[in-house]
Amino acid sequence: MADDAGAPTGAGDGEVAGRRVLAVAGVAVALVLGAAILTSVLPADLQRVIFHTPLLIGILLGGTALVLWRVAARRSTDT
């Protein structure tokens, strides 16, 4: 069930939330595995650039900022 705002209510909410958590975790694992496979097939020079320069740190910081921004923006519109 859902209330007027679309928020889930009722006894089955834990099951839905659990499925969403598992789905997000599965996507995260798939992305990490895909990145590892992609990186392993790159030439050694490109691997060196990725692992021994601040490039990877910048990508991680940018991705984290994007996720946090989306979460914050979603929460502010719900109130």
PDB file of N, CA and C in Angstrom:
ATOM      1  N   MET A   1       0.826  -1.187   0.000  1.00  0.00           N
ATOM      2  CA  MET A   1       0.000   0.000   0.000  1.00  0.00           C
ATOM      3  C   MET A   1       0.865   1.243   0.000  1.00  0.00           C
ATOM      4  N   ALA A   2       0.262   2.361  -0.359  1.00  0.00           N
ATOM      5  CA  ALA A   2       0.972   3.637  -0.347  1.00  0.00           C
ATOM      6  C   ALA A   2       0.020   4.713   0.136  1.00  0.00           C
ATOM      7  N   ASP A   3       0.566   5.713   0.802  1.00  0.00           N
ATOM      8  CA  ASP A   3      -0.264   6.833   1.209  1.00  0.00           C
ATOM      9  C   ASP A   3      -0.431   7.795   0.036  1.00  0.00           C
ATOM     10  N   ASP A   4      -1.072   8.938   0.280  1.00  0.00           N
ATOM     11  CA  ASP A   4      -1.350   9.888  -0.803  1.00  0.00           C
ATOM     12  C   ASP A   4      -0.094  10.439  -1.459  1.00  0.00           C
ATOM     13  N   ALA A   5       1.005  10.502  -0.709  1.00  0.00           N
ATOM     14  CA  ALA A   5       2.253  11.041  -1.254  1.00  0.00           C
ATOM     15  C   ALA A   5       3.051   9.975  -2.003  1.00  0.00           C
ATOM     16  N   GLY A   6       2.555   8.731  -2.019  1.00  0.00           N
ATOM     17  CA  GLY A   6       3.254   7.665  -2.719  1.00  0.00           C
ATOM     18  C   GLY A   6       4.241   6.913  -1.851  1.00  0.00           C
ATOM     19  N   ALA A   7       4.324   7.263  -0.564  1.00  0.00           N
ATOM     20  CA  ALA A   7       5.235   6.569   0.343  1.00  0.00           C
ATOM     21  C   ALA A   7       4.610   5.240   0.739  1.00  0.00           C
ATOM     22  N   PRO A   8       5.402   4.175   0.747  1.00  0.00           N
ATOM     23  CA  PRO A   8       4.856   2.878   1.108  1.00  0.00           C
ATOM     24  C   PRO A   8       4.464   2.824   2.576  1.00  0.00           C
ATOM     25  N   THR A   9       3.339   2.174   2.844  1.00  0.00           N
ATOM     26  CA  THR A   9       2.887   1.956   4.215  1.00  0.00           C
ATOM     27  C   THR A   9       2.379   0.531   4.309  1.00  0.00           C
ATOM     28  N   GLY A  10       2.368  -0.036   5.493  1.00  0.00           N
ATOM     29  CA  GLY A  10       1.806  -1.362   5.673  1.00  0.00           C
ATOM     30  C   GLY A  10       2.838  -2.398   6.038  1.00  0.00           C
ATOM     31  N   ALA A  11       2.388  -3.665   6.127  1.00  0.00           N
ATOM     32  CA  ALA A  11       3.221  -4.748   6.629  1.00  0.00           C
ATOM     33  C   ALA A  11       4.266  -5.211   5.631  1.00  0.00           C
ATOM     34  N   GLY A  12       4.031  -5.104   4.333  1.00  0.00           N
ATOM     35  CA  GLY A  12       4.957  -5.622   3.333  1.00  0.00           C
ATOM     36  C   GLY A  12       6.092  -4.685   2.966  1.00  0.00           C
ATOM     37  N   ASP A  13       6.225  -3.567   3.663  1.00  0.00           N
ATOM     38  CA  ASP A  13       7.242  -2.573   3.308  1.00  0.00           C
ATOM     39  C   ASP A  13       8.659  -3.094   3.472  1.00  0.00           C
ATOM     40  N   GLY A  14       8.895  -3.908   4.471  1.00  0.00           N
ATOM     41  CA  GLY A  14      10.237  -4.444   4.701  1.00  0.00           C
ATOM     42  C   GLY A  14      10.701  -5.311   3.545  1.00  0.00           C
ATOM     43  N   GLU A  15       9.785  -6.073   2.974  1.00  0.00           N
ATOM     44  CA  GLU A  15      10.132  -6.924   1.835  1.00  0.00           C
ATOM     45  C   GLU A  15      10.517  -6.086   0.626  1.00  0.00           C
ATOM     46  N   VAL A  16       9.758  -5.038   0.364  1.00  0.00           N
ATOM     47  CA  VAL A  16      10.046  -4.164  -0.772  1.00  0.00           C
ATOM     48  C   VAL A  16      11.378  -3.463  -0.569  1.00  0.00           C
ATOM     49  N   ALA A  17      11.612  -2.945   0.632  1.00  0.00           N
ATOM     50  CA  ALA A  17      12.871  -2.263   0.920  1.00  0.00           C
ATOM     51  C   ALA A  17      14.040  -3.227   0.802  1.00  0.00           C
ATOM     52  N   GLY A  18      13.862  -4.442   1.267  1.00  0.00           N
ATOM     53  CA  GLY A  18      14.919  -5.448   1.169  1.00  0.00           C
ATOM     54  C   GLY A  18      15.255  -5.773  -0.279  1.00  0.00           C
ATOM     55  N   ARG A  19      14.247  -5.875  -1.109  1.00  0.00           N
ATOM     56  CA  ARG A  19      14.480  -6.147  -2.532  1.00  0.00           C
ATOM     57  C   ARG A  19      15.214  -4.992  -3.201  1.00  0.00           C
ATOM     58  N   ARG A  20      14.850  -3.775  -2.832  1.00  0.00           N
ATOM     59  CA  ARG A  20      15.522  -2.608  -3.423  1.00  0.00           C
ATOM     60  C   ARG A  20      16.983  -2.556  -2.998  1.00  0.00           C
ATOM     61  N   VAL A  21      17.248  -2.872  -1.731  1.00  0.00           N
ATOM     62  CA  VAL A  21      18.630  -2.882  -1.243  1.00  0.00           C
ATOM     63  C   VAL A  21      19.438  -3.945  -1.991  1.00  0.00           C
ATOM     64  N   LEU A  22      18.868  -5.125  -2.162  1.00  0.00           N
ATOM     65  CA  LEU A  22      19.562  -6.181  -2.894  1.00  0.00           C
ATOM     66  C   LEU A  22      19.781  -5.808  -4.355  1.00  0.00           C
ATOM     67  N   ALA A  23      18.820  -5.142  -4.956  1.00  0.00           N
ATOM     68  CA  ALA A  23      18.974  -4.715  -6.349  1.00  0.00           C
ATOM     69  C   ALA A  23      20.097  -3.684  -6.490  1.00  0.00           C
ATOM     70  N   VAL A  24      20.134  -2.712  -5.594  1.00  0.00           N
ATOM     71  CA  VAL A  24      21.188  -1.703  -5.643  1.00  0.00           C
ATOM     72  C   VAL A  24      22.547  -2.342  -5.383  1.00  0.00           C
ATOM     73  N   ALA A  25      22.607  -3.260  -4.430  1.00  0.00           N
ATOM     74  CA  ALA A  25      23.866  -3.954  -4.142  1.00  0.00           C
ATOM     75  C   ALA A  25      24.316  -4.769  -5.356  1.00  0.00           C
ATOM     76  N   GLY A  26      23.395  -5.425  -6.024  1.00  0.00           N
ATOM     77  CA  GLY A  26      23.737  -6.195  -7.218  1.00  0.00           C
ATOM     78  C   GLY A  26      24.270  -5.319  -8.336  1.00  0.00           C
ATOM     79  N   VAL A  27      23.660  -4.167  -8.524  1.00  0.00           N
ATOM     80  CA  VAL A  27      24.139  -3.226  -9.548  1.00  0.00           C
ATOM     81  C   VAL A  27      25.535  -2.731  -9.189  1.00  0.00           C
ATOM     82  N   ALA A  28      25.763  -2.431  -7.906  1.00  0.00           N
ATOM     83  CA  ALA A  28      27.082  -1.948  -7.479  1.00  0.00           C
ATOM     84  C   ALA A  28      28.150  -3.011  -7.717  1.00  0.00           C
ATOM     85  N   VAL A  29      27.856  -4.255  -7.389  1.00  0.00           N
ATOM     86  CA  VAL A  29      28.812  -5.347  -7.620  1.00  0.00           C
ATOM     87  C   VAL A  29      29.082  -5.512  -9.108  1.00  0.00           C
ATOM     88  N   ALA A  30      28.038  -5.443  -9.927  1.00  0.00           N
ATOM     89  CA  ALA A  30      28.213  -5.583 -11.377  1.00  0.00           C
ATOM     90  C   ALA A  30      29.075  -4.452 -11.938  1.00  0.00           C
ATOM     91  N   LEU A  31      28.876  -3.235 -11.453  1.00  0.00           N
ATOM     92  CA  LEU A  31      29.684  -2.112 -11.921  1.00  0.00           C
ATOM     93  C   LEU A  31      31.158  -2.277 -11.548  1.00  0.00           C
ATOM     94  N   VAL A  32      31.417  -2.718 -10.328  1.00  0.00           N
ATOM     95  CA  VAL A  32      32.803  -2.908  -9.892  1.00  0.00           C
ATOM     96  C   VAL A  32      33.461  -4.027 -10.689  1.00  0.00           C
ATOM     97  N   LEU A  33      32.743  -5.132 -10.899  1.00  0.00           N
ATOM     98  CA  LEU A  33      33.297  -6.227 -11.706  1.00  0.00           C
ATOM     99  C   LEU A  33      33.551  -5.780 -13.143  1.00  0.00           C
ATOM    100  N   GLY A  34      32.618  -5.027 -13.699  1.00  0.00           N
ATOM    101  CA  GLY A  34      32.805  -4.526 -15.057  1.00  0.00           C
ATOM    102  C   GLY A  34      34.006  -3.610 -15.166  1.00  0.00           C
ATOM    103  N   ALA A  35      34.180  -2.731 -14.179  1.00  0.00           N
ATOM    104  CA  ALA A  35      35.335  -1.835 -14.182  1.00  0.00           C
ATOM    105  C   ALA A  35      36.635  -2.622 -14.044  1.00  0.00           C
ATOM    106  N   ALA A  36      36.634  -3.649 -13.210  1.00  0.00           N
ATOM    107  CA  ALA A  36      37.841  -4.462 -13.041  1.00  0.00           C
ATOM    108  C   ALA A  36      38.197  -5.198 -14.329  1.00  0.00           C
ATOM    109  N   ILE A  37      37.194  -5.748 -14.993  1.00  0.00           N
ATOM    110  CA  ILE A  37      37.442  -6.461 -16.253  1.00  0.00           C
ATOM    111  C   ILE A  37      37.916  -5.484 -17.326  1.00  0.00           C
ATOM    112  N   LEU A  38      37.251  -4.333 -17.416  1.00  0.00           N
ATOM    113  CA  LEU A  38      37.651  -3.334 -18.406  1.00  0.00           C
ATOM    114  C   LEU A  38      39.082  -2.867 -18.176  1.00  0.00           C
ATOM    115  N   THR A  39      39.436  -2.626 -16.927  1.00  0.00           N
ATOM    116  CA  THR A  39      40.776  -2.167 -16.607  1.00  0.00           C
ATOM    117  C   THR A  39      41.816  -3.246 -16.911  1.00  0.00           C
ATOM    118  N   SER A  40      41.462  -4.505 -16.694  1.00  0.00           N
ATOM    119  CA  SER A  40      42.434  -5.577 -16.910  1.00  0.00           C
ATOM    120  C   SER A  40      42.784  -5.771 -18.386  1.00  0.00           C
ATOM    121  N   VAL A  41      41.902  -5.363 -19.296  1.00  0.00           N
ATOM    122  CA  VAL A  41      42.190  -5.539 -20.718  1.00  0.00           C
ATOM    123  C   VAL A  41      42.853  -4.314 -21.344  1.00  0.00           C
ATOM    124  N   LEU A  42      43.031  -3.251 -20.563  1.00  0.00           N
ATOM    125  CA  LEU A  42      43.713  -2.063 -21.076  1.00  0.00           C
ATOM    126  C   LEU A  42      45.207  -2.325 -21.194  1.00  0.00           C
ATOM    127  N   PRO A  43      45.870  -1.626 -22.086  1.00  0.00           N
ATOM    128  CA  PRO A  43      47.329  -1.733 -22.172  1.00  0.00           C
ATOM    129  C   PRO A  43      47.980  -1.285 -20.857  1.00  0.00           C
ATOM    130  N   ALA A  44      49.193  -1.768 -20.620  1.00  0.00           N
ATOM    131  CA  ALA A  44      49.887  -1.495 -19.358  1.00  0.00           C
ATOM    132  C   ALA A  44      50.076   0.000 -19.119  1.00  0.00           C
ATOM    133  N   ASP A  45      50.320   0.769 -20.170  1.00  0.00           N
ATOM    134  CA  ASP A  45      50.509   2.209 -19.998  1.00  0.00           C
ATOM    135  C   ASP A  45      49.241   2.896 -19.487  1.00  0.00           C
ATOM    136  N   LEU A  46      48.092   2.508 -20.022  1.00  0.00           N
ATOM    137  CA  LEU A  46      46.832   3.091 -19.551  1.00  0.00           C
ATOM    138  C   LEU A  46      46.502   2.629 -18.133  1.00  0.00           C
ATOM    139  N   GLN A  47      46.806   1.381 -17.817  1.00  0.00           N
ATOM    140  CA  GLN A  47      46.608   0.900 -16.448  1.00  0.00           C
ATOM    141  C   GLN A  47      47.451   1.712 -15.476  1.00  0.00           C
ATOM    142  N   ARG A  48      48.674   2.022 -15.870  1.00  0.00           N
ATOM    143  CA  ARG A  48      49.563   2.803 -15.023  1.00  0.00           C
ATOM    144  C   ARG A  48      48.987   4.196 -14.778  1.00  0.00           C
ATOM    145  N   VAL A  49      48.418   4.813 -15.821  1.00  0.00           N
ATOM    146  CA  VAL A  49      47.810   6.133 -15.666  1.00  0.00           C
ATOM    147  C   VAL A  49      46.635   6.064 -14.694  1.00  0.00           C
ATOM    148  N   ILE A  50      45.820   5.039 -14.816  1.00  0.00           N
ATOM    149  CA  ILE A  50      44.632   4.920 -13.964  1.00  0.00           C
ATOM    150  C   ILE A  50      45.013   4.673 -12.512  1.00  0.00           C
ATOM    151  N   PHE A  51      45.981   3.789 -12.283  1.00  0.00           N
ATOM    152  CA  PHE A  51      46.289   3.388 -10.914  1.00  0.00           C
ATOM    153  C   PHE A  51      47.339   4.246 -10.222  1.00  0.00           C
ATOM    154  N   HIS A  52      48.167   4.966 -10.951  1.00  0.00           N
ATOM    155  CA  HIS A  52      49.271   5.687 -10.327  1.00  0.00           C
ATOM    156  C   HIS A  52      49.174   7.197 -10.469  1.00  0.00           C
ATOM    157  N   THR A  53      48.013   7.692 -10.849  1.00  0.00           N
ATOM    158  CA  THR A  53      47.787   9.143 -10.907  1.00  0.00           C
ATOM    159  C   THR A  53      46.514   9.451 -10.116  1.00  0.00           C
ATOM    160  N   PRO A  54      46.241  10.709  -9.851  1.00  0.00           N
ATOM    161  CA  PRO A  54      45.027  11.077  -9.108  1.00  0.00           C
ATOM    162  C   PRO A  54      43.732  10.914  -9.915  1.00  0.00           C
ATOM    163  N   LEU A  55      43.803  10.384 -11.116  1.00  0.00           N
ATOM    164  CA  LEU A  55      42.610  10.217 -11.960  1.00  0.00           C
ATOM    165  C   LEU A  55      41.536   9.395 -11.253  1.00  0.00           C
ATOM    166  N   LEU A  56      41.910   8.260 -10.707  1.00  0.00           N
ATOM    167  CA  LEU A  56      40.940   7.383 -10.046  1.00  0.00           C
ATOM    168  C   LEU A  56      40.329   8.066  -8.829  1.00  0.00           C
ATOM    169  N   ILE A  57      41.113   8.814  -8.080  1.00  0.00           N
ATOM    170  CA  ILE A  57      40.591   9.539  -6.921  1.00  0.00           C
ATOM    171  C   ILE A  57      39.559  10.567  -7.375  1.00  0.00           C
ATOM    172  N   GLY A  58      39.845  11.276  -8.458  1.00  0.00           N
ATOM    173  CA  GLY A  58      38.900  12.257  -8.985  1.00  0.00           C
ATOM    174  C   GLY A  58      37.593  11.617  -9.424  1.00  0.00           C
ATOM    175  N   ILE A  59      37.679  10.467 -10.061  1.00  0.00           N
ATOM    176  CA  ILE A  59      36.471   9.757 -10.491  1.00  0.00           C
ATOM    177  C   ILE A  59      35.646   9.328  -9.285  1.00  0.00           C
ATOM    178  N   LEU A  60      36.307   8.798  -8.265  1.00  0.00           N
ATOM    179  CA  LEU A  60      35.598   8.377  -7.053  1.00  0.00           C
ATOM    180  C   LEU A  60      34.957   9.563  -6.334  1.00  0.00           C
ATOM    181  N   LEU A  61      35.677  10.667  -6.232  1.00  0.00           N
ATOM    182  CA  LEU A  61      35.112  11.858  -5.593  1.00  0.00           C
ATOM    183  C   LEU A  61      33.926  12.397  -6.381  1.00  0.00           C
ATOM    184  N   GLY A  62      34.052  12.452  -7.697  1.00  0.00           N
ATOM    185  CA  GLY A  62      32.954  12.932  -8.529  1.00  0.00           C
ATOM    186  C   GLY A  62      31.720  12.044  -8.430  1.00  0.00           C
ATOM    187  N   GLY A  63      31.918  10.743  -8.458  1.00  0.00           N
ATOM    188  CA  GLY A  63      30.796   9.815  -8.341  1.00  0.00           C
ATOM    189  C   GLY A  63      30.110   9.910  -6.992  1.00  0.00           C
ATOM    190  N   THR A  64      30.903  10.028  -5.935  1.00  0.00           N
ATOM    191  CA  THR A  64      30.334  10.169  -4.596  1.00  0.00           C
ATOM    192  C   THR A  64      29.545  11.468  -4.476  1.00  0.00           C
ATOM    193  N   ALA A  65      30.093  12.554  -4.988  1.00  0.00           N
ATOM    194  CA  ALA A  65      29.389  13.837  -4.943  1.00  0.00           C
ATOM    195  C   ALA A  65      28.071  13.768  -5.711  1.00  0.00           C
ATOM    196  N   LEU A  66      28.077  13.112  -6.855  1.00  0.00           N
ATOM    197  CA  LEU A  66      26.855  12.977  -7.651  1.00  0.00           C
ATOM    198  C   LEU A  66      25.778  12.197  -6.896  1.00  0.00           C
ATOM    199  N   VAL A  67      26.163  11.088  -6.290  1.00  0.00           N
ATOM    200  CA  VAL A  67      25.195  10.283  -5.541  1.00  0.00           C
ATOM    201  C   VAL A  67      24.644  11.063  -4.359  1.00  0.00           C
ATOM    202  N   LEU A  68      25.516  11.730  -3.597  1.00  0.00           N
ATOM    203  CA  LEU A  68      25.053  12.504  -2.445  1.00  0.00           C
ATOM    204  C   LEU A  68      24.149  13.652  -2.879  1.00  0.00           C
ATOM    205  N   TRP A  69      24.477  14.314  -3.987  1.00  0.00           N
ATOM    206  CA  TRP A  69      23.642  15.400  -4.484  1.00  0.00           C
ATOM    207  C   TRP A  69      22.249  14.890  -4.866  1.00  0.00           C
ATOM    208  N   ARG A  70      22.201  13.746  -5.526  1.00  0.00           N
ATOM    209  CA  ARG A  70      20.899  13.187  -5.930  1.00  0.00           C
ATOM    210  C   ARG A  70      20.061  12.802  -4.731  1.00  0.00           C
ATOM    211  N   VAL A  71      20.699  12.208  -3.725  1.00  0.00           N
ATOM    212  CA  VAL A  71      19.965  11.834  -2.507  1.00  0.00           C
ATOM    213  C   VAL A  71      19.441  13.072  -1.806  1.00  0.00           C
ATOM    214  N   ALA A  72      20.274  14.088  -1.676  1.00  0.00           N
ATOM    215  CA  ALA A  72      19.855  15.326  -1.005  1.00  0.00           C
ATOM    216  C   ALA A  72      18.739  16.024  -1.777  1.00  0.00           C
ATOM    217  N   ALA A  73      18.825  16.055  -3.092  1.00  0.00           N
ATOM    218  CA  ALA A  73      17.800  16.709  -3.905  1.00  0.00           C
ATOM    219  C   ALA A  73      16.485  15.961  -3.818  1.00  0.00           C
ATOM    220  N   ARG A  74      16.529  14.663  -3.777  1.00  0.00           N
ATOM    221  CA  ARG A  74      15.301  13.862  -3.679  1.00  0.00           C
ATOM    222  C   ARG A  74      14.627  14.087  -2.342  1.00  0.00           C
ATOM    223  N   ARG A  75      15.384  14.135  -1.252  1.00  0.00           N
ATOM    224  CA  ARG A  75      14.815  14.322   0.081  1.00  0.00           C
ATOM    225  C   ARG A  75      14.197  15.715   0.250  1.00  0.00           C
ATOM    226  N   SER A  76      14.804  16.716  -0.331  1.00  0.00           N
ATOM    227  CA  SER A  76      14.293  18.070  -0.145  1.00  0.00           C
ATOM    228  C   SER A  76      12.969  18.291  -0.871  1.00  0.00           C
ATOM    229  N   THR A  77      12.684  17.561  -1.929  1.00  0.00           N
ATOM    230  CA  THR A  77      11.433  17.728  -2.658  1.00  0.00           C
ATOM    231  C   THR A  77      10.287  16.944  -2.027  1.00  0.00           C
ATOM    232  N   ASP A  78      10.604  15.962  -1.155  1.00  0.00           N
ATOM    233  CA  ASP A  78       9.563  15.159  -0.528  1.00  0.00           C
ATOM    234  C   ASP A  78       8.850  15.895   0.595  1.00  0.00           C
ATOM    235  N   THR A  79       9.433  16.922   1.158  1.00  0.00           N
ATOM    236  CA  THR A  79       8.834  17.588   2.316  1.00  0.00           C
ATOM    237  C   THR A  79       7.845  18.639   1.909  1.00  0.00           C
TER     238      THR A  79
END
